[in-house]
Amino acid sequence: MYDFSNIPFYKMILITFYVFLRFYWPLIATAAFVLILWRIKLPRRKKLHIALIAICLYVFGKTVYSFFPGYVPGCKVNTNN
């Protein structure tokens, strides 16, 4: 099917890592955020407030990026419509 014999093994590992990071970065970021909140020495109520603010910022950012791409630097508006 495909001949990968001329590609070094470390490059295949790097490509796999990049693909994993590209498609699963929200899960990785969420896991890191949860671990940080779990280990930080704050009251539970304060941790919930921090988590709620982070979720709201993420939803706001995704909404702006998805529906208003002209406001995001470096994001081009689709002019084919």
PDB file of N, CA and C in Angstrom:
ATOM      1  N   MET A   1       0.830  -1.172   0.000  1.00  0.00           N
ATOM      2  CA  MET A   1       0.000   0.000   0.000  1.00  0.00           C
ATOM      3  C   MET A   1       0.887   1.254   0.000  1.00  0.00           C
ATOM      4  N   TYR A   2       1.501   1.563   1.123  1.00  0.00           N
ATOM      5  CA  TYR A   2       2.415   2.699   1.214  1.00  0.00           C
ATOM      6  C   TYR A   2       3.781   2.191   1.640  1.00  0.00           C
ATOM      7  N   ASP A   3       4.817   2.817   1.108  1.00  0.00           N
ATOM      8  CA  ASP A   3       6.179   2.421   1.460  1.00  0.00           C
ATOM      9  C   ASP A   3       6.764   3.460   2.403  1.00  0.00           C
ATOM     10  N   PHE A   4       6.864   3.104   3.684  1.00  0.00           N
ATOM     11  CA  PHE A   4       7.420   4.004   4.685  1.00  0.00           C
ATOM     12  C   PHE A   4       8.857   3.639   5.058  1.00  0.00           C
ATOM     13  N   SER A   5       9.498   2.811   4.246  1.00  0.00           N
ATOM     14  CA  SER A   5      10.829   2.339   4.604  1.00  0.00           C
ATOM     15  C   SER A   5      11.890   3.432   4.514  1.00  0.00           C
ATOM     16  N   ASN A   6      11.649   4.470   3.721  1.00  0.00           N
ATOM     17  CA  ASN A   6      12.644   5.533   3.589  1.00  0.00           C
ATOM     18  C   ASN A   6      12.433   6.680   4.578  1.00  0.00           C
ATOM     19  N   ILE A   7      11.403   6.589   5.437  1.00  0.00           N
ATOM     20  CA  ILE A   7      11.146   7.625   6.439  1.00  0.00           C
ATOM     21  C   ILE A   7      11.727   7.150   7.765  1.00  0.00           C
ATOM     22  N   PRO A   8      12.589   7.960   8.407  1.00  0.00           N
ATOM     23  CA  PRO A   8      13.149   7.547   9.705  1.00  0.00           C
ATOM     24  C   PRO A   8      12.061   7.375  10.764  1.00  0.00           C
ATOM     25  N   PHE A   9      12.327   6.492  11.711  1.00  0.00           N
ATOM     26  CA  PHE A   9      11.345   6.168  12.739  1.00  0.00           C
ATOM     27  C   PHE A   9      11.002   7.379  13.600  1.00  0.00           C
ATOM     28  N   TYR A  10      12.009   8.218  13.932  1.00  0.00           N
ATOM     29  CA  TYR A  10      11.733   9.371  14.791  1.00  0.00           C
ATOM     30  C   TYR A  10      10.822  10.374  14.092  1.00  0.00           C
ATOM     31  N   LYS A  11      10.913  10.471  12.760  1.00  0.00           N
ATOM     32  CA  LYS A  11      10.013  11.385  12.039  1.00  0.00           C
ATOM     33  C   LYS A  11       8.581  10.860  12.050  1.00  0.00           C
ATOM     34  N   MET A  12       8.423   9.560  11.986  1.00  0.00           N
ATOM     35  CA  MET A  12       7.074   8.991  12.054  1.00  0.00           C
ATOM     36  C   MET A  12       6.459   9.220  13.431  1.00  0.00           C
ATOM     37  N   ILE A  13       7.288   9.128  14.480  1.00  0.00           N
ATOM     38  CA  ILE A  13       6.809   9.412  15.828  1.00  0.00           C
ATOM     39  C   ILE A  13       6.417  10.884  15.943  1.00  0.00           C
ATOM     40  N   LEU A  14       7.242  11.792  15.409  1.00  0.00           N
ATOM     41  CA  LEU A  14       6.924  13.227  15.444  1.00  0.00           C
ATOM     42  C   LEU A  14       5.649  13.538  14.674  1.00  0.00           C
ATOM     43  N   ILE A  15       5.475  12.934  13.517  1.00  0.00           N
ATOM     44  CA  ILE A  15       4.266  13.166  12.724  1.00  0.00           C
ATOM     45  C   ILE A  15       3.032  12.686  13.485  1.00  0.00           C
ATOM     46  N   THR A  16       3.148  11.522  14.124  1.00  0.00           N
ATOM     47  CA  THR A  16       2.036  11.012  14.928  1.00  0.00           C
ATOM     48  C   THR A  16       1.709  11.966  16.071  1.00  0.00           C
ATOM     49  N   PHE A  17       2.751  12.491  16.733  1.00  0.00           N
ATOM     50  CA  PHE A  17       2.544  13.446  17.821  1.00  0.00           C
ATOM     51  C   PHE A  17       1.875  14.721  17.314  1.00  0.00           C
ATOM     52  N   TYR A  18       2.329  15.244  16.174  1.00  0.00           N
ATOM     53  CA  TYR A  18       1.735  16.465  15.620  1.00  0.00           C
ATOM     54  C   TYR A  18       0.277  16.263  15.242  1.00  0.00           C
ATOM     55  N   VAL A  19      -0.042  15.127  14.636  1.00  0.00           N
ATOM     56  CA  VAL A  19      -1.430  14.845  14.260  1.00  0.00           C
ATOM     57  C   VAL A  19      -2.299  14.724  15.511  1.00  0.00           C
ATOM     58  N   PHE A  20      -1.782  14.020  16.524  1.00  0.00           N
ATOM     59  CA  PHE A  20      -2.518  13.896  17.777  1.00  0.00           C
ATOM     60  C   PHE A  20      -2.760  15.262  18.400  1.00  0.00           C
ATOM     61  N   LEU A  21      -1.728  16.105  18.419  1.00  0.00           N
ATOM     62  CA  LEU A  21      -1.859  17.440  18.990  1.00  0.00           C
ATOM     63  C   LEU A  21      -2.823  18.299  18.188  1.00  0.00           C
ATOM     64  N   ARG A  22      -2.804  18.163  16.871  1.00  0.00           N
ATOM     65  CA  ARG A  22      -3.670  18.965  16.008  1.00  0.00           C
ATOM     66  C   ARG A  22      -5.153  18.657  16.232  1.00  0.00           C
ATOM     67  N   PHE A  23      -5.476  17.373  16.387  1.00  0.00           N
ATOM     68  CA  PHE A  23      -6.882  16.992  16.490  1.00  0.00           C
ATOM     69  C   PHE A  23      -7.394  16.902  17.921  1.00  0.00           C
ATOM     70  N   TYR A  24      -6.501  16.692  18.889  1.00  0.00           N
ATOM     71  CA  TYR A  24      -6.948  16.494  20.258  1.00  0.00           C
ATOM     72  C   TYR A  24      -6.471  17.575  21.205  1.00  0.00           C
ATOM     73  N   TRP A  25      -6.113  18.764  20.705  1.00  0.00           N
ATOM     74  CA  TRP A  25      -5.623  19.811  21.590  1.00  0.00           C
ATOM     75  C   TRP A  25      -6.680  20.271  22.598  1.00  0.00           C
ATOM     76  N   PRO A  26      -7.981  20.281  22.280  1.00  0.00           N
ATOM     77  CA  PRO A  26      -8.937  20.679  23.328  1.00  0.00           C
ATOM     78  C   PRO A  26      -8.948  19.703  24.512  1.00  0.00           C
ATOM     79  N   LEU A  27      -8.822  18.412  24.235  1.00  0.00           N
ATOM     80  CA  LEU A  27      -8.798  17.441  25.325  1.00  0.00           C
ATOM     81  C   LEU A  27      -7.526  17.571  26.158  1.00  0.00           C
ATOM     82  N   ILE A  28      -6.402  17.808  25.496  1.00  0.00           N
ATOM     83  CA  ILE A  28      -5.138  17.970  26.211  1.00  0.00           C
ATOM     84  C   ILE A  28      -5.180  19.217  27.080  1.00  0.00           C
ATOM     85  N   ALA A  29      -5.684  20.320  26.530  1.00  0.00           N
ATOM     86  CA  ALA A  29      -5.771  21.563  27.292  1.00  0.00           C
ATOM     87  C   ALA A  29      -6.739  21.422  28.468  1.00  0.00           C
ATOM     88  N   THR A  30      -7.841  20.740  28.254  1.00  0.00           N
ATOM     89  CA  THR A  30      -8.805  20.530  29.339  1.00  0.00           C
ATOM     90  C   THR A  30      -8.208  19.676  30.446  1.00  0.00           C
ATOM     91  N   ALA A  31      -7.505  18.618  30.073  1.00  0.00           N
ATOM     92  CA  ALA A  31      -6.881  17.763  31.077  1.00  0.00           C
ATOM     93  C   ALA A  31      -5.836  18.533  31.885  1.00  0.00           C
ATOM     94  N   ALA A  32      -5.043  19.357  31.215  1.00  0.00           N
ATOM     95  CA  ALA A  32      -4.044  20.159  31.922  1.00  0.00           C
ATOM     96  C   ALA A  32      -4.718  21.156  32.862  1.00  0.00           C
ATOM     97  N   PHE A  33      -5.779  21.796  32.392  1.00  0.00           N
ATOM     98  CA  PHE A  33      -6.496  22.763  33.207  1.00  0.00           C
ATOM     99  C   PHE A  33      -7.109  22.103  34.440  1.00  0.00           C
ATOM    100  N   VAL A  34      -7.705  20.925  34.246  1.00  0.00           N
ATOM    101  CA  VAL A  34      -8.316  20.211  35.373  1.00  0.00           C
ATOM    102  C   VAL A  34      -7.248  19.788  36.376  1.00  0.00           C
ATOM    103  N   LEU A  35      -6.113  19.308  35.898  1.00  0.00           N
ATOM    104  CA  LEU A  35      -5.036  18.918  36.813  1.00  0.00           C
ATOM    105  C   LEU A  35      -4.501  20.109  37.599  1.00  0.00           C
ATOM    106  N   ILE A  36      -4.371  21.245  36.937  1.00  0.00           N
ATOM    107  CA  ILE A  36      -3.899  22.442  37.634  1.00  0.00           C
ATOM    108  C   ILE A  36      -4.908  22.866  38.700  1.00  0.00           C
ATOM    109  N   LEU A  37      -6.198  22.875  38.336  1.00  0.00           N
ATOM    110  CA  LEU A  37      -7.217  23.245  39.319  1.00  0.00           C
ATOM    111  C   LEU A  37      -7.272  22.260  40.483  1.00  0.00           C
ATOM    112  N   TRP A  38      -7.048  20.993  40.185  1.00  0.00           N
ATOM    113  CA  TRP A  38      -7.105  19.974  41.227  1.00  0.00           C
ATOM    114  C   TRP A  38      -5.960  20.126  42.222  1.00  0.00           C
ATOM    115  N   ARG A  39      -4.775  20.492  41.751  1.00  0.00           N
ATOM    116  CA  ARG A  39      -3.604  20.565  42.608  1.00  0.00           C
ATOM    117  C   ARG A  39      -3.432  21.920  43.296  1.00  0.00           C
ATOM    118  N   ILE A  40      -4.095  22.958  42.813  1.00  0.00           N
ATOM    119  CA  ILE A  40      -3.918  24.295  43.390  1.00  0.00           C
ATOM    120  C   ILE A  40      -4.629  24.363  44.745  1.00  0.00           C
ATOM    121  N   LYS A  41      -4.061  25.135  45.642  1.00  0.00           N
ATOM    122  CA  LYS A  41      -4.610  25.240  47.001  1.00  0.00           C
ATOM    123  C   LYS A  41      -5.569  26.430  47.085  1.00  0.00           C
ATOM    124  N   LEU A  42      -6.789  26.212  46.633  1.00  0.00           N
ATOM    125  CA  LEU A  42      -7.856  27.210  46.716  1.00  0.00           C
ATOM    126  C   LEU A  42      -9.125  26.511  47.205  1.00  0.00           C
ATOM    127  N   PRO A  43     -10.051  27.276  47.756  1.00  0.00           N
ATOM    128  CA  PRO A  43     -11.334  26.665  48.137  1.00  0.00           C
ATOM    129  C   PRO A  43     -12.083  26.155  46.900  1.00  0.00           C
ATOM    130  N   ARG A  44     -12.932  25.167  47.113  1.00  0.00           N
ATOM    131  CA  ARG A  44     -13.668  24.551  46.005  1.00  0.00           C
ATOM    132  C   ARG A  44     -14.535  25.565  45.255  1.00  0.00           C
ATOM    133  N   ARG A  45     -15.129  26.485  45.981  1.00  0.00           N
ATOM    134  CA  ARG A  45     -15.985  27.490  45.347  1.00  0.00           C
ATOM    135  C   ARG A  45     -15.187  28.384  44.398  1.00  0.00           C
ATOM    136  N   LYS A  46     -13.978  28.760  44.807  1.00  0.00           N
ATOM    137  CA  LYS A  46     -13.120  29.595  43.963  1.00  0.00           C
ATOM    138  C   LYS A  46     -12.686  28.829  42.711  1.00  0.00           C
ATOM    139  N   LYS A  47     -12.413  27.529  42.871  1.00  0.00           N
ATOM    140  CA  LYS A  47     -12.037  26.702  41.722  1.00  0.00           C
ATOM    141  C   LYS A  47     -13.182  26.624  40.717  1.00  0.00           C
ATOM    142  N   LEU A  48     -14.405  26.504  41.212  1.00  0.00           N
ATOM    143  CA  LEU A  48     -15.564  26.456  40.320  1.00  0.00           C
ATOM    144  C   LEU A  48     -15.748  27.770  39.569  1.00  0.00           C
ATOM    145  N   HIS A  49     -15.490  28.900  40.258  1.00  0.00           N
ATOM    146  CA  HIS A  49     -15.579  30.189  39.592  1.00  0.00           C
ATOM    147  C   HIS A  49     -14.534  30.307  38.477  1.00  0.00           C
ATOM    148  N   ILE A  50     -13.324  29.867  38.753  1.00  0.00           N
ATOM    149  CA  ILE A  50     -12.264  29.904  37.735  1.00  0.00           C
ATOM    150  C   ILE A  50     -12.637  29.022  36.549  1.00  0.00           C
ATOM    151  N   ALA A  51     -13.158  27.826  36.812  1.00  0.00           N
ATOM    152  CA  ALA A  51     -13.549  26.919  35.737  1.00  0.00           C
ATOM    153  C   ALA A  51     -14.691  27.507  34.913  1.00  0.00           C
ATOM    154  N   LEU A  52     -15.653  28.120  35.560  1.00  0.00           N
ATOM    155  CA  LEU A  52     -16.781  28.725  34.850  1.00  0.00           C
ATOM    156  C   LEU A  52     -16.321  29.874  33.963  1.00  0.00           C
ATOM    157  N   ILE A  53     -15.424  30.692  34.458  1.00  0.00           N
ATOM    158  CA  ILE A  53     -14.897  31.802  33.645  1.00  0.00           C
ATOM    159  C   ILE A  53     -14.134  31.258  32.445  1.00  0.00           C
ATOM    160  N   ALA A  54     -13.337  30.209  32.635  1.00  0.00           N
ATOM    161  CA  ALA A  54     -12.575  29.622  31.532  1.00  0.00           C
ATOM    162  C   ALA A  54     -13.505  29.034  30.470  1.00  0.00           C
ATOM    163  N   ILE A  55     -14.562  28.360  30.908  1.00  0.00           N
ATOM    164  CA  ILE A  55     -15.511  27.783  29.954  1.00  0.00           C
ATOM    165  C   ILE A  55     -16.220  28.882  29.174  1.00  0.00           C
ATOM    166  N   CYS A  56     -16.629  29.947  29.840  1.00  0.00           N
ATOM    167  CA  CYS A  56     -17.296  31.062  29.164  1.00  0.00           C
ATOM    168  C   CYS A  56     -16.370  31.728  28.142  1.00  0.00           C
ATOM    169  N   LEU A  57     -15.125  31.930  28.514  1.00  0.00           N
ATOM    170  CA  LEU A  57     -14.167  32.519  27.566  1.00  0.00           C
ATOM    171  C   LEU A  57     -13.944  31.613  26.360  1.00  0.00           C
ATOM    172  N   TYR A  58     -13.878  30.311  26.588  1.00  0.00           N
ATOM    173  CA  TYR A  58     -13.701  29.378  25.479  1.00  0.00           C
ATOM    174  C   TYR A  58     -14.902  29.408  24.537  1.00  0.00           C
ATOM    175  N   VAL A  59     -16.107  29.375  25.091  1.00  0.00           N
ATOM    176  CA  VAL A  59     -17.314  29.407  24.253  1.00  0.00           C
ATOM    177  C   VAL A  59     -17.396  30.728  23.493  1.00  0.00           C
ATOM    178  N   PHE A  60     -17.087  31.828  24.165  1.00  0.00           N
ATOM    179  CA  PHE A  60     -17.101  33.132  23.492  1.00  0.00           C
ATOM    180  C   PHE A  60     -16.082  33.164  22.358  1.00  0.00           C
ATOM    181  N   GLY A  61     -14.882  32.669  22.624  1.00  0.00           N
ATOM    182  CA  GLY A  61     -13.840  32.659  21.593  1.00  0.00           C
ATOM    183  C   GLY A  61     -14.200  31.785  20.410  1.00  0.00           C
ATOM    184  N   LYS A  62     -14.751  30.594  20.672  1.00  0.00           N
ATOM    185  CA  LYS A  62     -15.160  29.718  19.571  1.00  0.00           C
ATOM    186  C   LYS A  62     -16.299  30.332  18.767  1.00  0.00           C
ATOM    187  N   THR A  63     -17.212  31.024  19.435  1.00  0.00           N
ATOM    188  CA  THR A  63     -18.319  31.666  18.723  1.00  0.00           C
ATOM    189  C   THR A  63     -17.804  32.777  17.822  1.00  0.00           C
ATOM    190  N   VAL A  64     -16.926  33.600  18.339  1.00  0.00           N
ATOM    191  CA  VAL A  64     -16.369  34.687  17.526  1.00  0.00           C
ATOM    192  C   VAL A  64     -15.571  34.113  16.370  1.00  0.00           C
ATOM    193  N   TYR A  65     -14.764  33.093  16.622  1.00  0.00           N
ATOM    194  CA  TYR A  65     -13.939  32.495  15.570  1.00  0.00           C
ATOM    195  C   TYR A  65     -14.799  31.838  14.496  1.00  0.00           C
ATOM    196  N   SER A  66     -15.912  31.194  14.900  1.00  0.00           N
ATOM    197  CA  SER A  66     -16.742  30.467  13.942  1.00  0.00           C
ATOM    198  C   SER A  66     -17.662  31.376  13.141  1.00  0.00           C
ATOM    199  N   PHE A  67     -18.284  32.350  13.804  1.00  0.00           N
ATOM    200  CA  PHE A  67     -19.316  33.137  13.140  1.00  0.00           C
ATOM    201  C   PHE A  67     -18.870  34.535  12.721  1.00  0.00           C
ATOM    202  N   PHE A  68     -17.787  35.044  13.292  1.00  0.00           N
ATOM    203  CA  PHE A  68     -17.293  36.375  12.945  1.00  0.00           C
ATOM    204  C   PHE A  68     -15.791  36.319  12.667  1.00  0.00           C
ATOM    205  N   PRO A  69     -15.368  35.620  11.609  1.00  0.00           N
ATOM    206  CA  PRO A  69     -13.928  35.438  11.393  1.00  0.00           C
ATOM    207  C   PRO A  69     -13.200  36.725  11.028  1.00  0.00           C
ATOM    208  N   GLY A  70     -13.918  37.751  10.622  1.00  0.00           N
ATOM    209  CA  GLY A  70     -13.267  39.011  10.282  1.00  0.00           C
ATOM    210  C   GLY A  70     -12.678  39.726  11.487  1.00  0.00           C
ATOM    211  N   TYR A  71     -13.147  39.394  12.683  1.00  0.00           N
ATOM    212  CA  TYR A  71     -12.655  40.042  13.896  1.00  0.00           C
ATOM    213  C   TYR A  71     -11.415  39.361  14.476  1.00  0.00           C
ATOM    214  N   VAL A  72     -11.069  38.179  13.946  1.00  0.00           N
ATOM    215  CA  VAL A  72      -9.920  37.433  14.456  1.00  0.00           C
ATOM    216  C   VAL A  72      -8.709  37.764  13.595  1.00  0.00           C
ATOM    217  N   PRO A  73      -7.603  38.248  14.177  1.00  0.00           N
ATOM    218  CA  PRO A  73      -6.431  38.555  13.367  1.00  0.00           C
ATOM    219  C   PRO A  73      -5.891  37.312  12.669  1.00  0.00           C
ATOM    220  N   GLY A  74      -5.630  37.437  11.378  1.00  0.00           N
ATOM    221  CA  GLY A  74      -5.091  36.329  10.616  1.00  0.00           C
ATOM    222  C   GLY A  74      -6.114  35.385  10.061  1.00  0.00           C
ATOM    223  N   CYS A  75      -7.385  35.587  10.378  1.00  0.00           N
ATOM    224  CA  CYS A  75      -8.452  34.717   9.881  1.00  0.00           C
ATOM    225  C   CYS A  75      -9.160  35.439   8.744  1.00  0.00           C
ATOM    226  N   LYS A  76      -9.179  34.825   7.595  1.00  0.00           N
ATOM    227  CA  LYS A  76      -9.762  35.444   6.396  1.00  0.00           C
ATOM    228  C   LYS A  76     -11.267  35.187   6.338  1.00  0.00           C
ATOM    229  N   VAL A  77     -11.990  36.157   5.847  1.00  0.00           N
ATOM    230  CA  VAL A  77     -13.425  36.026   5.657  1.00  0.00           C
ATOM    231  C   VAL A  77     -13.645  35.280   4.353  1.00  0.00           C
ATOM    232  N   ASN A  78     -14.543  34.306   4.357  1.00  0.00           N
ATOM    233  CA  ASN A  78     -14.845  33.536   3.152  1.00  0.00           C
ATOM    234  C   ASN A  78     -15.677  34.396   2.215  1.00  0.00           C
ATOM    235  N   THR A  79     -15.102  34.755   1.060  1.00  0.00           N
ATOM    236  CA  THR A  79     -15.796  35.644   0.121  1.00  0.00           C
ATOM    237  C   THR A  79     -16.455  34.877  -1.014  1.00  0.00           C
ATOM    238  N   ASN A  80     -16.504  33.538  -0.923  1.00  0.00           N
ATOM    239  CA  ASN A  80     -17.110  32.736  -1.983  1.00  0.00           C
ATOM    240  C   ASN A  80     -18.631  32.747  -1.935  1.00  0.00           C
ATOM    241  N   ASN A  81     -19.212  33.197  -0.835  1.00  0.00           N
ATOM    242  CA  ASN A  81     -20.685  33.176  -0.691  1.00  0.00           C
ATOM    243  C   ASN A  81     -21.307  34.298  -1.450  1.00  0.00           C
TER     244      ASN A  81
END
